[in-house]
Amino acid sequence: MKIGILQTGHAPDELLATEGDYDAMFRSLLAGEGFEFQTFNVVDGVFPDGPEAADAWLITGSKHGAYEDHPWIPPLEELIRAINATSKPLIGVCFGHQIIAQALGGTVEKFAGGWAVGRQTYDMGGKKLAVNAWHQDQVVALPPKTKVLAGNAHCENAVLMIGETILTIQPHPEFGAGVVAGLIAHRGGAVPPEHLDQAKAALDSQTDRGIFRDMMVAHLKRQTAEATA
């Protein structure tokens, strides 16, 4: 099964040697499931020919805002709508979560409530699950046919199911403690110091990233199995 990774940003140069770029983080997270990966650096203007270039798709995080004026954002939104029309599985994480919602009729804004950085806890079906996050922007209005699967007081729309084939996640299951520590060191300039301090204090705390990982794998495999049935 071929997963097309639409890379919408790059990790800080200082993290590349130890953590890899954002696509490598997802390759590591989803390893051992028989997936083949191909990365398209859409942030650099490199796009696939269309939805048929992969069996399923994943959109990464980015330092950019979904509402910003970049030449690669309109064609990415067009590709998202085309993937949705084929019913191929699609997963978006952080910026990916936001750009999918925006492309399909939702609204993304720089959240007035500020940043979520480091380990955050979300309510998913009555369970409290912890995972790392790094964002200020949020999905504040949902696209049609969307179900909210998880959220918290700061981010109500943290995990979404859009229709039957799109799963989006605001936090970062692919971020381990090393990635968060690197972002604090190299991309923390815009983040209030108290949030960085809280994130540093929680670096060694356990997260439930494995549960989110299993959810992503199940979504990809279930949807693909249904498509080929």
Protein backbone atom coordinates (compact mmCIF):
# COMPACT_ATOMS: atom_id res chain seq x y z
CA MET A 1 0.00 0.00 0.00
CA LYS A 2 1.50 3.30 -1.09
CA ILE A 3 1.11 6.34 1.15
CA GLY A 4 1.72 9.72 -0.48
CA ILE A 5 3.10 12.21 2.04
CA LEU A 6 2.29 15.81 1.16
CA GLN A 7 5.00 17.70 3.03
CA THR A 8 3.89 21.25 3.77
CA GLY A 9 6.86 22.40 5.83
CA HIS A 10 10.33 21.40 6.95
CA ALA A 11 11.72 20.71 10.39
CA PRO A 12 14.39 23.08 11.70
CA ASP A 13 17.80 22.33 10.21
CA GLU A 14 19.10 21.60 13.71
CA LEU A 15 16.72 18.62 14.03
CA LEU A 16 17.33 16.97 10.68
CA ALA A 17 20.32 14.89 11.73
CA THR A 18 18.65 13.42 14.83
CA GLU A 19 14.91 13.48 14.13
CA GLY A 20 14.66 13.76 10.34
CA ASP A 21 12.29 15.97 8.38
CA TYR A 22 8.55 15.88 8.97
CA ASP A 23 7.98 13.13 6.41
CA ALA A 24 10.61 10.95 8.10
CA MET A 25 8.81 11.34 11.42
CA PHE A 26 5.66 9.85 9.88
CA ARG A 27 7.60 7.08 8.17
CA SER A 28 8.98 6.15 11.57
CA LEU A 29 5.62 6.46 13.32
CA LEU A 30 3.85 4.24 10.79
CA ALA A 31 6.67 1.73 10.27
CA GLY A 32 6.06 -2.01 10.36
CA GLU A 33 2.64 -1.94 8.67
CA GLY A 34 3.69 -2.79 5.12
CA PHE A 35 3.32 0.78 3.89
CA GLU A 36 5.40 2.20 1.06
CA PHE A 37 5.93 5.95 1.22
CA GLN A 38 6.56 8.66 -1.34
CA THR A 39 7.08 12.28 -0.31
CA PHE A 40 5.92 15.23 -2.38
CA ASN A 41 7.37 18.52 -1.10
CA VAL A 42 4.34 20.62 -1.92
CA VAL A 43 5.75 23.45 0.22
CA ASP A 44 8.48 23.67 -2.44
CA GLY A 45 6.01 23.40 -5.33
CA VAL A 46 6.43 19.65 -5.93
CA PHE A 47 3.03 18.03 -6.46
CA PRO A 48 1.83 14.59 -7.55
CA ASP A 49 0.03 14.25 -10.87
CA GLY A 50 -3.21 13.63 -8.97
CA PRO A 51 -4.95 11.43 -6.40
CA GLU A 52 -4.10 8.25 -8.29
CA ALA A 53 -0.40 8.67 -7.52
CA ALA A 54 -0.91 6.90 -4.17
CA ASP A 55 -3.36 4.55 -2.47
CA ALA A 56 -3.77 6.92 0.49
CA TRP A 57 -2.55 10.34 1.50
CA LEU A 58 -1.12 12.13 4.53
CA ILE A 59 -0.56 15.88 4.96
CA THR A 60 2.11 17.01 7.42
CA GLY A 61 2.46 19.95 9.75
CA SER A 62 3.99 23.28 8.79
CA LYS A 63 5.11 26.59 10.28
CA HIS A 64 2.80 28.30 7.78
CA GLY A 65 -0.86 29.23 8.25
CA ALA A 66 -3.54 27.65 6.07
CA TYR A 67 -4.98 31.13 5.47
CA GLU A 68 -1.67 32.65 4.37
CA ASP A 69 -0.96 33.72 0.80
CA HIS A 70 1.46 31.12 -0.54
CA PRO A 71 1.43 29.93 -4.16
CA TRP A 72 1.29 26.26 -3.18
CA ILE A 73 -1.80 26.51 -0.95
CA PRO A 74 -4.53 26.88 -3.65
CA PRO A 75 -3.28 23.84 -5.63
CA LEU A 76 -3.01 21.87 -2.39
CA GLU A 77 -6.64 22.68 -1.61
CA GLU A 78 -7.60 21.56 -5.11
CA LEU A 79 -5.73 18.29 -4.57
CA ILE A 80 -7.49 17.76 -1.24
CA ARG A 81 -10.86 18.15 -2.90
CA ALA A 82 -9.80 15.77 -5.67
CA ILE A 83 -8.64 13.15 -3.15
CA ASN A 84 -11.92 13.53 -1.28
CA ALA A 85 -13.85 12.95 -4.51
CA THR A 86 -12.05 9.63 -5.08
CA SER A 87 -12.77 8.42 -1.53
CA LYS A 88 -9.12 7.51 -1.04
CA PRO A 89 -8.04 7.61 2.62
CA LEU A 90 -6.64 10.96 3.72
CA ILE A 91 -5.07 11.96 7.04
CA GLY A 92 -4.03 15.47 8.01
CA VAL A 93 -1.97 16.43 11.07
CA CYS A 94 -1.75 19.97 12.54
CA PHE A 95 -1.43 22.17 9.42
CA GLY A 96 -2.73 19.16 7.48
CA HIS A 97 -5.77 19.03 9.77
CA GLN A 98 -6.35 22.74 9.20
CA ILE A 99 -5.85 22.91 5.43
CA ILE A 100 -8.16 19.95 4.86
CA ALA A 101 -10.90 21.58 6.91
CA GLN A 102 -10.40 24.87 5.07
CA ALA A 103 -10.39 23.23 1.63
CA LEU A 104 -13.67 21.46 2.37
CA GLY A 105 -15.57 24.47 3.72
CA GLY A 106 -14.34 24.99 7.28
CA THR A 107 -12.59 27.99 8.79
CA VAL A 108 -9.09 28.27 10.26
CA GLU A 109 -7.95 31.20 12.40
CA LYS A 110 -5.09 32.25 14.63
CA PHE A 111 -6.74 31.32 17.90
CA ALA A 112 -7.36 34.15 20.34
CA GLY A 113 -6.77 31.75 23.22
CA GLY A 114 -3.13 31.42 22.28
CA TRP A 115 -0.74 28.52 21.94
CA ALA A 116 -0.83 24.83 22.80
CA VAL A 117 2.76 23.59 23.12
CA GLY A 118 4.06 20.24 24.35
CA ARG A 119 2.05 17.56 26.13
CA GLN A 120 -1.72 18.19 25.96
CA THR A 121 -4.63 16.05 27.16
CA TYR A 122 -7.73 15.46 25.04
CA ASP A 123 -11.10 13.88 25.75
CA MET A 124 -11.79 11.15 23.21
CA GLY A 125 -14.93 9.15 23.80
CA GLY A 126 -14.72 9.59 27.56
CA LYS A 127 -11.01 8.72 27.70
CA LYS A 128 -8.26 11.20 28.53
CA LEU A 129 -5.41 10.87 26.04
CA ALA A 130 -2.15 12.81 26.09
CA VAL A 131 -0.14 13.72 23.00
CA ASN A 132 2.28 16.47 22.02
CA ALA A 133 1.04 19.58 20.22
CA TRP A 134 2.55 22.72 18.72
CA HIS A 135 0.06 25.23 17.34
CA GLN A 136 -1.76 28.51 17.69
CA ASP A 137 -4.01 28.23 14.63
CA GLN A 138 -7.18 26.18 14.99
CA VAL A 139 -10.17 24.95 13.03
CA VAL A 140 -12.93 27.19 14.41
CA ALA A 141 -15.76 26.24 12.01
CA LEU A 142 -16.27 22.70 10.74
CA PRO A 143 -16.75 21.55 7.15
CA PRO A 144 -20.01 19.78 6.27
CA LYS A 145 -20.36 16.12 7.25
CA THR A 146 -17.81 16.41 10.06
CA LYS A 147 -17.83 14.58 13.38
CA VAL A 148 -15.65 15.76 16.27
CA LEU A 149 -13.85 12.77 17.79
CA ALA A 150 -11.73 14.55 20.41
CA GLY A 151 -11.06 17.93 21.95
CA ASN A 152 -10.36 19.86 25.13
CA ALA A 153 -11.16 23.24 26.64
CA HIS A 154 -8.46 24.96 24.60
CA CYS A 155 -9.07 23.13 21.30
CA GLU A 156 -12.59 21.87 20.81
CA ASN A 157 -12.02 20.50 17.31
CA ALA A 158 -8.84 18.50 17.91
CA VAL A 159 -9.64 15.28 16.05
CA LEU A 160 -12.15 15.18 13.20
CA MET A 161 -13.71 12.63 10.90
CA ILE A 162 -14.81 14.36 7.71
CA GLY A 163 -17.19 12.17 5.77
CA GLU A 164 -16.11 8.53 5.80
CA THR A 165 -12.55 8.70 4.48
CA ILE A 166 -10.80 11.70 6.05
CA LEU A 167 -9.24 11.71 9.53
CA THR A 168 -7.61 14.90 10.81
CA ILE A 169 -5.62 15.45 14.00
CA GLN A 170 -4.60 18.83 15.42
CA PRO A 171 -1.83 17.59 17.78
CA HIS A 172 1.28 15.73 16.63
CA PRO A 173 1.42 11.94 17.22
CA GLU A 174 4.68 11.94 15.23
CA PHE A 175 6.41 14.26 17.74
CA GLY A 176 8.42 12.55 20.43
CA ALA A 177 10.15 14.40 23.25
CA GLY A 178 13.24 15.05 21.12
CA VAL A 179 11.22 16.88 18.49
CA VAL A 180 9.43 19.03 21.06
CA ALA A 181 12.72 19.87 22.75
CA GLY A 182 14.17 20.87 19.38
CA LEU A 183 11.21 23.07 18.54
CA ILE A 184 11.43 24.75 21.93
CA ALA A 185 15.08 25.51 21.24
CA HIS A 186 14.82 26.54 17.60
CA ARG A 187 11.21 27.62 16.94
CA GLY A 188 10.05 28.86 20.30
CA GLY A 189 10.59 32.55 19.70
CA ALA A 190 6.91 33.35 19.10
CA VAL A 191 5.67 31.23 22.01
CA PRO A 192 5.09 32.80 25.45
CA PRO A 193 7.86 31.71 27.88
CA GLU A 194 5.40 30.18 30.34
CA HIS A 195 4.17 27.76 27.64
CA LEU A 196 7.73 26.78 26.80
CA ASP A 197 8.47 26.20 30.49
CA GLN A 198 5.40 23.96 30.83
CA ALA A 199 6.41 22.03 27.72
CA LYS A 200 9.96 21.55 29.03
CA ALA A 201 8.64 20.29 32.36
CA ALA A 202 6.51 17.66 30.62
CA LEU A 203 9.14 16.34 28.19
CA ASP A 204 9.70 13.16 30.19
CA SER A 205 6.00 12.52 30.81
CA GLN A 206 4.35 9.60 29.04
CA THR A 207 2.04 10.27 26.10
CA ASP A 208 -0.56 8.19 24.29
CA ARG A 209 0.96 8.75 20.86
CA GLY A 210 0.75 4.99 20.24
CA ILE A 211 -3.04 5.12 20.46
CA PHE A 212 -3.13 7.91 17.89
CA ARG A 213 -0.71 5.96 15.72
CA ASP A 214 -2.95 2.88 15.85
CA MET A 215 -5.94 5.04 14.95
CA MET A 216 -4.13 6.34 11.88
CA VAL A 217 -3.07 2.86 10.79
CA ALA A 218 -6.59 1.50 11.27
CA HIS A 219 -8.05 4.36 9.26
CA LEU A 220 -5.68 3.80 6.36
CA LYS A 221 -6.14 0.04 6.32
CA ARG A 222 -9.89 0.03 6.90
CA GLN A 223 -10.60 2.56 4.22
CA THR A 224 -8.34 0.84 1.72
CA ALA A 225 -9.90 -2.53 2.45
CA GLU A 226 -13.35 -1.08 1.89
CA ALA A 227 -12.26 0.58 -1.34
CA THR A 228 -10.95 -2.70 -2.76
CA ALA A 229 -13.78 -4.92 -1.48
